[in-house]
Amino acid sequence: MDLFRDPTPVGESSISLEAEVPEVLFEGMRDFLRLHPQWDQYSVITSALAGFLFQNGCSDRSVTQHYLDGLFLQR
């Protein structure tokens, strides 16, 4: 996993987020990242969060854009 690269696109602000997740989800993410080197842990988490928000009714344009970018891995 790429822990040192700044994944924030130019012009966007970001915050640092710390969360505890079930070990099985962490292992699933780690396995996914091994098989998909074009992804990193930042893009997986951002895509998952945007997908959750979008699918649960968030209509913010920026969230929608992150959701669509995650579908097509646009960064």
Protein backbone atom coordinates (compact mmCIF):
# COMPACT_ATOMS: atom_id res chain seq x y z
CA MET A 1 0.00 0.00 0.00
CA ASP A 2 1.15 3.51 -0.80
CA LEU A 3 1.20 5.29 2.56
CA PHE A 4 3.30 8.31 1.62
CA ARG A 5 1.93 9.66 -1.67
CA ASP A 6 -0.49 12.59 -1.38
CA PRO A 7 -3.62 11.34 -3.22
CA THR A 8 -5.48 14.67 -3.14
CA PRO A 9 -6.14 16.03 -6.63
CA VAL A 10 -4.83 19.55 -7.26
CA GLY A 11 -7.33 22.15 -6.11
CA GLU A 12 -9.12 19.91 -3.60
CA SER A 13 -8.76 20.07 0.14
CA SER A 14 -8.64 16.98 2.28
CA ILE A 15 -8.76 15.89 5.90
CA SER A 16 -7.05 13.07 7.69
CA LEU A 17 -9.39 10.28 8.78
CA GLU A 18 -8.68 7.51 11.24
CA ALA A 19 -11.14 4.65 11.64
CA GLU A 20 -11.25 1.16 13.01
CA VAL A 21 -12.63 -1.40 10.58
CA PRO A 22 -13.24 -5.12 10.95
CA GLU A 23 -10.13 -7.10 10.12
CA VAL A 24 -11.94 -9.00 7.37
CA LEU A 25 -12.64 -5.71 5.54
CA PHE A 26 -9.02 -4.63 5.88
CA GLU A 27 -7.84 -7.98 4.52
CA GLY A 28 -10.32 -7.72 1.65
CA MET A 29 -9.02 -4.25 0.80
CA ARG A 30 -5.40 -5.42 1.02
CA ASP A 31 -6.14 -8.38 -1.30
CA PHE A 32 -7.97 -6.09 -3.75
CA LEU A 33 -5.03 -3.67 -3.81
CA ARG A 34 -2.59 -6.48 -4.55
CA LEU A 35 -4.65 -7.49 -7.58
CA HIS A 36 -5.38 -3.94 -8.79
CA PRO A 37 -2.17 -1.85 -8.66
CA GLN A 38 -3.89 1.15 -10.28
CA TRP A 39 -5.82 1.60 -7.00
CA ASP A 40 -4.44 2.68 -3.63
CA GLN A 41 -6.01 2.67 -0.17
CA TYR A 42 -6.99 6.33 -0.52
CA SER A 43 -8.94 5.79 -3.73
CA VAL A 44 -10.66 2.67 -2.33
CA ILE A 45 -11.84 4.48 0.82
CA THR A 46 -12.86 7.62 -1.09
CA SER A 47 -14.78 5.54 -3.63
CA ALA A 48 -16.50 3.51 -0.91
CA LEU A 49 -17.52 6.59 1.07
CA ALA A 50 -18.75 8.45 -2.01
CA GLY A 51 -20.68 5.36 -3.12
CA PHE A 52 -22.36 5.04 0.27
CA LEU A 53 -23.31 8.71 0.36
CA PHE A 54 -24.55 8.77 -3.24
CA GLN A 55 -26.61 5.59 -2.86
CA ASN A 56 -28.17 6.91 0.33
CA GLY A 57 -29.46 10.14 -1.14
CA CYS A 58 -26.62 12.66 -0.91
CA SER A 59 -27.11 15.02 -3.84
CA ASP A 60 -23.98 17.14 -3.41
CA ARG A 61 -22.38 17.55 -6.83
CA SER A 62 -18.86 16.92 -5.51
CA VAL A 63 -19.92 13.64 -3.88
CA THR A 64 -21.58 12.58 -7.13
CA GLN A 65 -18.39 13.40 -9.04
CA HIS A 66 -16.26 11.34 -6.63
CA TYR A 67 -18.75 8.48 -6.99
CA LEU A 68 -18.58 8.57 -10.79
CA ASP A 69 -14.79 8.97 -10.76
CA GLY A 70 -14.56 5.86 -8.59
CA LEU A 71 -16.65 3.90 -11.06
CA PHE A 72 -14.23 4.74 -13.84
CA LEU A 73 -11.10 5.25 -11.70
CA GLN A 74 -10.66 8.85 -12.82
CA ARG A 75 -8.17 10.69 -10.59
